[in-house]
């Protein structure tokens, strides 16, 4: 790529101050390919020394450099009577609004926004070179004090410098907005694709799970019939094997029920309304106690504020979390379970705590995966779907869920819920 330069422009010398060899080589290549003579310095101090030895037509300086950064280099150049008329362009990400003020304070002439393409770079260079004669004829003012972000700044840049710097900043903002808009469109397309893929996966899971139920019912039914009619005529080993078939069929049936419940969550619309969490939790505890026989479980229910959510789904959250608390405290002589609430850093957090088996926190990332279990089936029954369901419900309510635990000392599950009805 090449631009049309005036014959005089082909003799112009540009000094590059850049500590990155890759960026420096790229700048040098682009400028040389377009007819400019180029000198490269690896930091601001060496660039200043090079400018003092041989005055360049233009300086392009990175902002972040060792020994002397781009702002300090610019200040040194502009305060030297022999070098002050050299236009200087700063190369920066403009990630901080303060960058513009610092550019004005050091009397920089323009910005080049990182990352840049070849055409953008050359247009910035041409713009500054075309305006250098105009700037030299512009009388510098006495300076002006401005306030920005609560701080006072004294600006001595001339009018054209200020205008050029602000115009380049505005152009950079437009460029950044274009890039952001493109990224947002790409993200929307990606989200649409992911949503469609998730719906297909949920539909597939539902279909497979539903279709498996019929043959499973047949296996369970005929196995039970065999046990009922011919049990006494069977050898002991045959009885044991058939009982294993019946037990496995029941386990498989529960797995399918759990998988169906999980897949339905993605298709079931939320019915949001005010939910009395205290009443909901007390009802769940009362239901679960009936399944515990003569076990003594101390349940403490704290002050639980109401929220906006789907009553039936939030009930499922507490059923699963409290069922786990009851299950994993089974080996404790005194089982303690607490349901509470706290506010922390602006978040409303509900929690369910127990003093049960706990788990090793190094495996916490697997906790909410489908069919993931941190305890053996010989220790505690379950399919590893309950916490996945809880996580999905909490996420659909705009919240998040996490856990803390110690092996043998219990676990605490925390979750947040958004109170926005439109979530």
Protein backbone atom coordinates (compact mmCIF):
# COMPACT_ATOMS: atom_id res chain seq x y z
CA UNK A 1 0.00 0.00 0.00
CA UNK A 2 1.31 3.49 -0.81
CA UNK A 3 0.02 7.05 -0.52
CA UNK A 4 0.72 9.91 -2.89
CA UNK A 5 3.38 12.11 -1.25
CA UNK A 6 4.60 15.48 -2.40
CA UNK A 7 8.24 15.36 -3.63
CA UNK A 8 9.32 17.40 -0.59
CA UNK A 9 7.59 14.95 1.74
CA UNK A 10 9.76 12.09 0.48
CA UNK A 11 12.77 13.69 2.16
CA UNK A 12 11.02 13.98 5.54
CA UNK A 13 12.62 12.18 8.46
CA UNK A 14 10.44 10.58 11.17
CA UNK A 15 11.82 9.58 14.56
CA UNK A 16 10.09 6.60 16.19
CA UNK A 17 10.31 6.09 19.97
CA UNK A 18 9.09 2.54 20.67
CA UNK A 19 10.44 -0.08 23.10
CA UNK A 20 8.65 -3.01 21.42
CA UNK A 21 10.83 -4.36 18.57
CA UNK A 22 7.76 -5.80 16.82
CA UNK A 23 5.82 -2.52 16.93
CA UNK A 24 8.89 -0.51 15.98
CA UNK A 25 9.59 -2.71 12.94
CA UNK A 26 5.98 -2.49 11.84
CA UNK A 27 5.97 1.32 12.10
CA UNK A 28 9.31 1.57 10.32
CA UNK A 29 8.15 -0.73 7.51
CA UNK A 30 4.90 1.15 6.90
CA UNK A 31 6.60 4.56 6.85
CA UNK A 32 9.54 3.48 4.68
CA UNK A 33 7.19 1.79 2.21
CA UNK A 34 5.50 5.16 1.83
CA UNK A 35 8.68 7.11 1.19
CA UNK A 36 9.63 8.44 4.61
CA UNK A 37 13.11 8.28 6.11
CA UNK A 38 12.95 6.64 9.55
CA UNK A 39 15.09 6.60 12.72
CA UNK A 40 14.20 4.26 15.62
CA UNK A 41 14.96 4.76 19.33
CA UNK A 42 14.04 2.11 21.94
CA UNK A 43 13.02 4.56 24.70
CA UNK A 44 12.28 8.22 25.35
CA UNK A 45 15.76 9.12 26.58
CA UNK A 46 17.47 7.78 23.45
CA UNK A 47 14.81 9.43 21.27
CA UNK A 48 15.52 12.81 22.89
CA UNK A 49 19.27 12.37 22.33
CA UNK A 50 18.64 11.40 18.68
CA UNK A 51 16.44 14.48 18.15
CA UNK A 52 19.10 16.74 19.66
CA UNK A 53 21.78 15.27 17.36
CA UNK A 54 19.67 15.38 14.20
CA UNK A 55 16.40 17.30 14.23
CA UNK A 56 13.60 15.15 12.70
CA UNK A 57 10.56 16.43 10.84
CA UNK A 58 8.14 14.45 13.02
CA UNK A 59 8.30 12.27 16.14
CA UNK A 60 5.99 9.30 16.75
CA UNK A 61 6.26 8.05 20.34
CA UNK A 62 4.70 5.23 22.30
CA UNK A 63 3.34 6.40 25.66
CA UNK A 64 4.54 3.50 27.83
CA UNK A 65 8.33 3.12 27.68
CA UNK A 66 11.16 2.49 30.16
CA UNK A 67 13.49 5.26 31.43
CA UNK A 68 11.39 8.05 29.88
CA UNK A 69 7.76 7.65 28.82
CA UNK A 70 6.10 9.34 25.86
CA UNK A 71 4.59 12.17 27.91
CA UNK A 72 7.96 13.12 29.42
CA UNK A 73 9.64 12.90 26.01
CA UNK A 74 6.99 15.26 24.63
CA UNK A 75 7.53 17.71 27.52
CA UNK A 76 11.30 17.68 26.95
CA UNK A 77 10.90 18.25 23.20
CA UNK A 78 8.39 21.10 23.61
CA UNK A 79 10.48 22.85 26.28
CA UNK A 80 13.59 22.88 24.07
CA UNK A 81 13.61 26.04 21.94
CA UNK A 82 15.48 24.25 19.14
CA UNK A 83 13.04 21.28 19.04
CA UNK A 84 9.72 22.81 20.15
CA UNK A 85 8.39 23.16 16.60
CA UNK A 86 8.69 19.40 15.89
CA UNK A 87 5.19 17.87 15.71
CA UNK A 88 4.86 14.89 18.08
CA UNK A 89 2.28 12.13 17.86
CA UNK A 90 1.58 9.89 20.87
CA UNK A 91 0.70 6.24 20.30
CA UNK A 92 -1.68 5.07 23.07
CA UNK A 93 -4.73 2.97 23.87
CA UNK A 94 -6.51 6.03 25.33
CA UNK A 95 -7.86 3.69 28.02
CA UNK A 96 -8.01 6.49 30.62
CA UNK A 97 -9.71 9.91 30.09
CA UNK A 98 -6.70 11.37 31.92
CA UNK A 99 -4.61 10.44 28.87
CA UNK A 100 -6.15 13.34 26.92
CA UNK A 101 -5.35 15.83 29.70
CA UNK A 102 -1.78 14.56 29.96
CA UNK A 103 -1.47 14.91 26.20
CA UNK A 104 -2.65 18.52 26.38
CA UNK A 105 -0.33 19.28 29.31
CA UNK A 106 2.74 18.05 27.47
CA UNK A 107 1.58 19.85 24.24
CA UNK A 108 1.36 16.73 22.05
CA UNK A 109 0.07 17.36 18.53
CA UNK A 110 -1.97 14.24 17.94
CA UNK A 111 -2.88 10.72 19.06
CA UNK A 112 -2.63 7.43 17.20
CA UNK A 113 -4.93 4.90 18.78
CA UNK A 114 -3.74 1.33 19.37
CA UNK A 115 -4.29 -1.01 17.64
CA UNK A 116 -4.06 0.85 14.33
CA UNK A 117 -4.14 -0.13 10.67
CA UNK A 118 -1.81 1.20 7.97
CA UNK A 119 -4.27 3.66 6.41
CA UNK A 120 -5.22 5.14 9.80
CA UNK A 121 -1.54 5.63 10.72
CA UNK A 122 -0.64 7.30 7.44
CA UNK A 123 -3.66 9.61 7.59
CA UNK A 124 -2.59 10.76 11.08
CA UNK A 125 0.96 11.43 9.86
CA UNK A 126 -0.23 13.33 6.78
CA UNK A 127 -2.68 15.36 8.88
CA UNK A 128 0.05 16.49 11.29
CA UNK A 129 2.52 17.29 8.52
CA UNK A 130 -0.01 19.32 6.55
CA UNK A 131 -0.83 21.36 9.67
CA UNK A 132 2.74 21.95 10.90
CA UNK A 133 3.21 25.20 8.96
CA UNK A 134 -0.16 26.49 10.10
CA UNK A 135 0.73 25.64 13.70
CA UNK A 136 4.05 27.47 13.47
CA UNK A 137 2.25 30.66 12.45
CA UNK A 138 -0.31 30.32 15.25
CA UNK A 139 0.57 32.47 18.25
CA UNK A 140 0.68 30.51 21.48
CA UNK A 141 -1.45 31.88 24.28
CA UNK A 142 -0.45 32.55 27.85
CA UNK A 143 -2.00 29.28 28.98
CA UNK A 144 -5.27 28.36 30.65
CA UNK A 145 -6.25 26.58 33.84
CA UNK A 146 -8.85 23.82 33.59
CA UNK A 147 -10.41 21.45 36.12
CA UNK A 148 -10.81 17.76 35.26
CA UNK A 149 -11.70 14.89 37.63
CA UNK A 150 -11.34 17.23 40.59
CA UNK A 151 -7.80 18.31 39.67
CA UNK A 152 -6.44 21.58 38.27
CA UNK A 153 -4.36 21.48 35.08
CA UNK A 154 -2.44 24.30 33.37
CA UNK A 155 -2.51 23.97 29.57
CA UNK A 156 0.02 25.91 27.47
CA UNK A 157 -0.55 24.16 24.13
CA UNK A 158 -1.43 26.48 21.27
CA UNK A 159 -4.89 26.57 19.76
CA UNK A 160 -4.17 24.32 16.80
CA UNK A 161 -2.45 21.74 19.00
CA UNK A 162 -5.48 21.61 21.26
CA UNK A 163 -7.86 21.38 18.31
CA UNK A 164 -5.82 18.66 16.60
CA UNK A 165 -5.48 16.65 19.80
CA UNK A 166 -9.18 16.83 20.59
CA UNK A 167 -10.11 15.98 16.99
CA UNK A 168 -7.83 12.94 17.06
CA UNK A 169 -9.37 11.91 20.39
CA UNK A 170 -12.86 12.28 18.93
CA UNK A 171 -11.83 10.25 15.87
CA UNK A 172 -10.38 7.58 18.17
CA UNK A 173 -13.67 7.44 20.11
CA UNK A 174 -15.62 7.01 16.86
CA UNK A 175 -13.24 4.21 15.80
CA UNK A 176 -13.55 2.49 19.17
CA UNK A 177 -17.37 2.74 19.01
CA UNK A 178 -17.35 1.16 15.55
CA UNK A 179 -15.21 -1.71 16.84
CA UNK A 180 -17.49 -2.11 19.85
CA UNK A 181 -20.58 -2.14 17.65
CA UNK A 182 -19.06 -4.87 15.44
CA UNK A 183 -18.14 -6.89 18.54
CA UNK A 184 -21.67 -6.51 19.93
CA UNK A 185 -23.20 -7.73 16.66
CA UNK A 186 -20.86 -10.72 16.73
CA UNK A 187 -21.76 -11.44 20.35
CA UNK A 188 -25.48 -11.26 19.57
CA UNK A 189 -25.04 -13.71 16.69
CA UNK A 190 -23.03 -16.04 18.93
CA UNK A 191 -25.64 -15.85 21.69
CA UNK A 192 -28.40 -16.65 19.19
CA UNK A 193 -26.44 -19.67 17.96
CA UNK A 194 -25.79 -20.87 21.52
CA UNK A 195 -29.44 -20.40 22.45
CA UNK A 196 -30.58 -22.43 19.44
CA UNK A 197 -28.03 -25.16 20.22
CA UNK A 198 -29.14 -25.28 23.86
CA UNK A 199 -32.80 -25.59 22.84
CA UNK A 200 -31.94 -28.43 20.47
CA UNK A 201 -29.93 -30.17 23.19
CA UNK A 202 -32.75 -29.77 25.73
CA UNK A 203 -35.29 -31.10 23.25
CA UNK A 204 -33.02 -34.05 22.45
CA UNK A 205 -32.51 -34.83 26.15
CA UNK A 206 -36.23 -34.66 26.79
CA UNK A 207 -37.01 -36.89 23.80
CA UNK A 208 -34.38 -39.52 24.67
CA UNK A 209 -35.35 -39.57 28.34
CA UNK A 210 -39.03 -39.87 27.49
CA UNK A 211 -38.45 -42.67 24.98
CA UNK A 212 -36.35 -44.64 27.48
CA UNK A 213 -39.17 -44.86 29.99
CA UNK A 214 -41.29 -47.39 28.06
CA UNK A 215 -38.65 -50.18 27.74
CA UNK A 216 -37.50 -49.46 31.29
CA UNK A 217 -41.03 -49.92 32.61
CA UNK A 218 -41.15 -53.26 30.78
CA UNK A 219 -37.85 -54.40 32.35
CA UNK A 220 -38.99 -53.37 35.81
CA UNK A 221 -42.47 -54.85 35.40
CA UNK A 222 -41.42 -58.25 34.06
CA UNK A 223 -38.56 -58.53 36.58
CA UNK A 224 -40.96 -57.93 39.46
CA UNK A 225 -43.42 -60.42 37.95
CA UNK A 226 -40.69 -63.07 37.80
CA UNK A 227 -39.79 -62.42 41.42
CA UNK A 228 -43.41 -62.59 42.49
CA UNK A 229 -44.35 -65.83 40.65
CA UNK A 230 -41.14 -67.83 40.59
CA UNK A 231 -39.03 -66.54 43.49
CA UNK A 232 -39.23 -69.77 45.52
CA UNK A 233 -38.26 -71.87 42.49
CA UNK A 234 -35.12 -69.84 41.74
CA UNK A 235 -31.61 -70.67 42.93
CA UNK A 236 -30.16 -68.11 45.33
CA UNK A 237 -27.80 -66.71 42.68
CA UNK A 238 -30.71 -66.17 40.25
CA UNK A 239 -32.67 -64.38 43.00
CA UNK A 240 -29.68 -62.11 43.67
CA UNK A 241 -29.19 -61.30 39.98
CA UNK A 242 -32.89 -60.56 39.41
CA UNK A 243 -32.99 -58.30 42.48
CA UNK A 244 -30.01 -56.45 41.02
CA UNK A 245 -31.95 -55.96 37.75
CA UNK A 246 -34.94 -54.55 39.68
CA UNK A 247 -32.70 -52.25 41.75
CA UNK A 248 -30.84 -51.03 38.65
CA UNK A 249 -34.12 -50.40 36.81
CA UNK A 250 -35.35 -48.24 39.70
CA UNK A 251 -32.05 -46.36 39.76
CA UNK A 252 -32.25 -45.81 36.00
CA UNK A 253 -35.84 -44.62 36.32
CA UNK A 254 -34.79 -42.04 38.89
CA UNK A 255 -31.96 -40.90 36.63
CA UNK A 256 -34.42 -40.39 33.77
CA UNK A 257 -36.82 -38.46 36.03
CA UNK A 258 -33.96 -36.21 37.12
CA UNK A 259 -32.79 -35.68 33.55
CA UNK A 260 -36.33 -34.80 32.46
CA UNK A 261 -36.60 -32.32 35.32
CA UNK A 262 -33.30 -30.75 34.32
CA UNK A 263 -34.23 -30.45 30.64
CA UNK A 264 -37.69 -29.01 31.46
CA UNK A 265 -36.07 -26.12 33.34
CA UNK A 266 -34.79 -24.58 30.12
CA UNK A 267 -38.23 -24.70 28.49
CA UNK A 268 -40.40 -23.81 31.47
CA UNK A 269 -41.33 -20.09 31.55
CA UNK A 270 -40.80 -18.28 34.84
CA UNK A 271 -43.92 -17.18 36.69
CA UNK A 272 -42.56 -14.40 38.87
CA UNK A 273 -44.42 -12.98 41.82
CA UNK A 274 -43.67 -12.02 45.45
CA UNK A 275 -42.55 -15.11 47.39
CA UNK A 276 -42.69 -15.46 51.18
CA UNK A 277 -39.36 -17.27 51.62
CA UNK A 278 -39.82 -17.86 55.37
CA UNK A 279 -43.16 -19.64 54.86
CA UNK A 280 -41.77 -21.57 51.89
CA UNK A 281 -38.76 -22.85 53.87
CA UNK A 282 -40.86 -23.82 56.91
CA UNK A 283 -43.18 -25.80 54.65
CA UNK A 284 -40.24 -27.60 52.99
CA UNK A 285 -38.67 -28.46 56.36
CA UNK A 286 -41.98 -29.86 57.61
CA UNK A 287 -42.36 -32.05 54.49
CA UNK A 288 -38.79 -33.36 54.68
CA UNK A 289 -39.00 -34.15 58.41
CA UNK A 290 -41.72 -36.72 57.68
CA UNK A 291 -39.16 -38.73 55.66
CA UNK A 292 -36.54 -38.74 58.44
CA UNK A 293 -38.22 -41.16 60.86
CA UNK A 294 -37.04 -40.67 64.44
CA UNK A 295 -33.87 -38.75 63.51
CA UNK A 296 -33.19 -35.67 65.59
CA UNK A 297 -32.28 -32.74 63.33
CA UNK A 298 -31.92 -29.25 64.76
CA UNK A 299 -33.10 -26.79 62.10
CA UNK A 300 -32.57 -23.08 62.67
CA UNK A 301 -34.46 -20.73 60.33
CA UNK A 302 -33.28 -17.13 60.40
CA UNK A 303 -34.98 -13.95 59.24
CA UNK A 304 -35.56 -14.59 55.52
CA UNK A 305 -36.82 -11.59 53.53
CA UNK A 306 -39.32 -12.04 50.71
CA UNK A 307 -38.20 -11.91 47.10
CA UNK A 308 -39.60 -11.84 43.56
CA UNK A 309 -39.43 -15.21 41.82
CA UNK A 310 -41.11 -18.38 40.62
CA UNK A 311 -42.59 -19.98 43.75
CA UNK A 312 -42.49 -23.58 42.54
CA UNK A 313 -38.92 -23.35 41.26
CA UNK A 314 -37.64 -21.63 44.41
CA UNK A 315 -39.34 -24.34 46.44
CA UNK A 316 -37.34 -26.88 44.41
CA UNK A 317 -34.14 -25.00 45.30
CA UNK A 318 -34.79 -25.31 49.03
CA UNK A 319 -36.05 -28.91 48.72
CA UNK A 320 -32.79 -29.94 47.02
CA UNK A 321 -30.49 -27.99 49.34
CA UNK A 322 -32.27 -29.07 52.53
CA UNK A 323 -32.55 -32.68 51.33
CA UNK A 324 -28.78 -32.66 50.86
CA UNK A 325 -28.27 -31.13 54.30
CA UNK A 326 -30.45 -33.83 55.90
CA UNK A 327 -28.74 -36.59 53.89
CA UNK A 328 -25.14 -35.57 54.52
CA UNK A 329 -25.69 -35.11 58.29
CA UNK A 330 -27.05 -38.64 58.59
CA UNK A 331 -23.84 -39.94 60.19
CA UNK A 332 -23.75 -37.12 62.76
CA UNK A 333 -25.08 -37.80 66.24
CA UNK A 334 -26.36 -34.22 66.42
CA UNK A 335 -27.40 -32.89 63.02
CA UNK A 336 -27.48 -29.08 62.77
CA UNK A 337 -28.98 -27.33 59.77
CA UNK A 338 -29.37 -23.56 59.35
CA UNK A 339 -31.22 -21.53 56.73
CA UNK A 340 -30.26 -17.87 56.82
CA UNK A 341 -29.79 -14.59 55.01
CA UNK A 342 -27.22 -11.80 54.96
CA UNK A 343 -26.34 -8.69 53.00
CA UNK A 344 -22.79 -8.34 51.74
CA UNK A 345 -21.33 -5.76 49.36
CA UNK A 346 -24.78 -4.78 48.13
CA UNK A 347 -25.91 -8.38 47.48
CA UNK A 348 -28.77 -10.25 49.16
CA UNK A 349 -27.51 -13.73 49.97
CA UNK A 350 -29.53 -16.74 51.17
CA UNK A 351 -27.69 -19.77 52.54
CA UNK A 352 -28.24 -23.35 53.74
CA UNK A 353 -25.63 -24.61 56.19
CA UNK A 354 -25.06 -28.04 57.76
CA UNK A 355 -22.50 -29.80 59.97
CA UNK A 356 -22.41 -32.96 57.84
CA UNK A 357 -19.85 -34.78 55.72
CA UNK A 358 -18.70 -31.70 53.79
CA UNK A 359 -16.36 -32.07 50.81
CA UNK A 360 -12.88 -31.16 49.61
CA UNK A 361 -12.89 -27.63 48.15
CA UNK A 362 -10.39 -28.63 45.44
CA UNK A 363 -13.30 -30.42 43.74
CA UNK A 364 -15.75 -27.51 44.14
CA UNK A 365 -15.69 -26.77 40.39
CA UNK A 366 -17.39 -30.15 39.77
CA UNK A 367 -20.10 -29.58 42.35
CA UNK A 368 -22.81 -28.27 40.02
CA UNK A 369 -22.08 -30.50 37.02
CA UNK A 370 -24.79 -32.89 35.85
CA UNK A 371 -24.30 -36.40 37.34
CA UNK A 372 -21.22 -35.20 39.26
CA UNK A 373 -20.86 -36.67 42.76
CA UNK A 374 -18.20 -36.01 45.41
CA UNK A 375 -19.24 -38.99 47.57
CA UNK A 376 -19.54 -42.67 46.70
CA UNK A 377 -22.93 -44.30 46.22
CA UNK A 378 -22.08 -46.67 49.08
CA UNK A 379 -21.85 -43.65 51.42
CA UNK A 380 -24.81 -41.52 50.26
CA UNK A 381 -27.48 -42.23 47.67
CA UNK A 382 -28.18 -39.82 44.80
CA UNK A 383 -27.69 -39.18 41.09
CA UNK A 384 -25.73 -35.92 41.11
CA UNK A 385 -28.45 -33.91 39.36
CA UNK A 386 -29.99 -32.00 42.26
CA UNK A 387 -27.34 -29.29 42.52
CA UNK A 388 -27.34 -28.84 38.73
CA UNK A 389 -31.06 -28.16 38.93
CA UNK A 390 -30.52 -25.70 41.79
CA UNK A 391 -27.85 -23.84 39.85
CA UNK A 392 -30.01 -23.62 36.76
CA UNK A 393 -32.98 -22.24 38.72
CA UNK A 394 -30.79 -19.65 40.48
CA UNK A 395 -29.23 -18.56 37.17
CA UNK A 396 -32.67 -18.20 35.59
CA UNK A 397 -33.55 -15.86 38.46
CA UNK A 398 -30.53 -13.70 37.65
CA UNK A 399 -28.51 -14.93 40.64
CA UNK A 400 -25.39 -16.96 41.32
CA UNK A 401 -24.60 -19.90 43.60
CA UNK A 402 -21.44 -21.16 45.30
CA UNK A 403 -20.41 -23.34 48.24
CA UNK A 404 -17.86 -23.51 51.04
CA UNK A 405 -17.03 -26.70 52.91
CA UNK A 406 -14.54 -28.73 54.93
CA UNK A 407 -14.33 -32.50 54.93
CA UNK A 408 -16.12 -33.83 58.03
CA UNK A 409 -17.19 -30.35 59.15
CA UNK A 410 -20.13 -29.59 56.91
CA UNK A 411 -20.97 -27.40 53.94
CA UNK A 412 -22.69 -24.08 53.27
CA UNK A 413 -24.45 -23.28 50.02
CA UNK A 414 -24.94 -19.59 49.19
CA UNK A 415 -27.09 -18.12 46.45
CA UNK A 416 -28.37 -14.72 45.37
CA UNK A 417 -31.68 -13.83 43.75
CA UNK A 418 -32.48 -10.75 41.67
CA UNK A 419 -35.51 -8.77 42.82
CA UNK A 420 -36.15 -7.46 39.32
CA UNK A 421 -39.50 -8.76 38.06
CA UNK A 422 -38.42 -8.34 34.44
CA UNK A 423 -35.34 -10.59 34.77
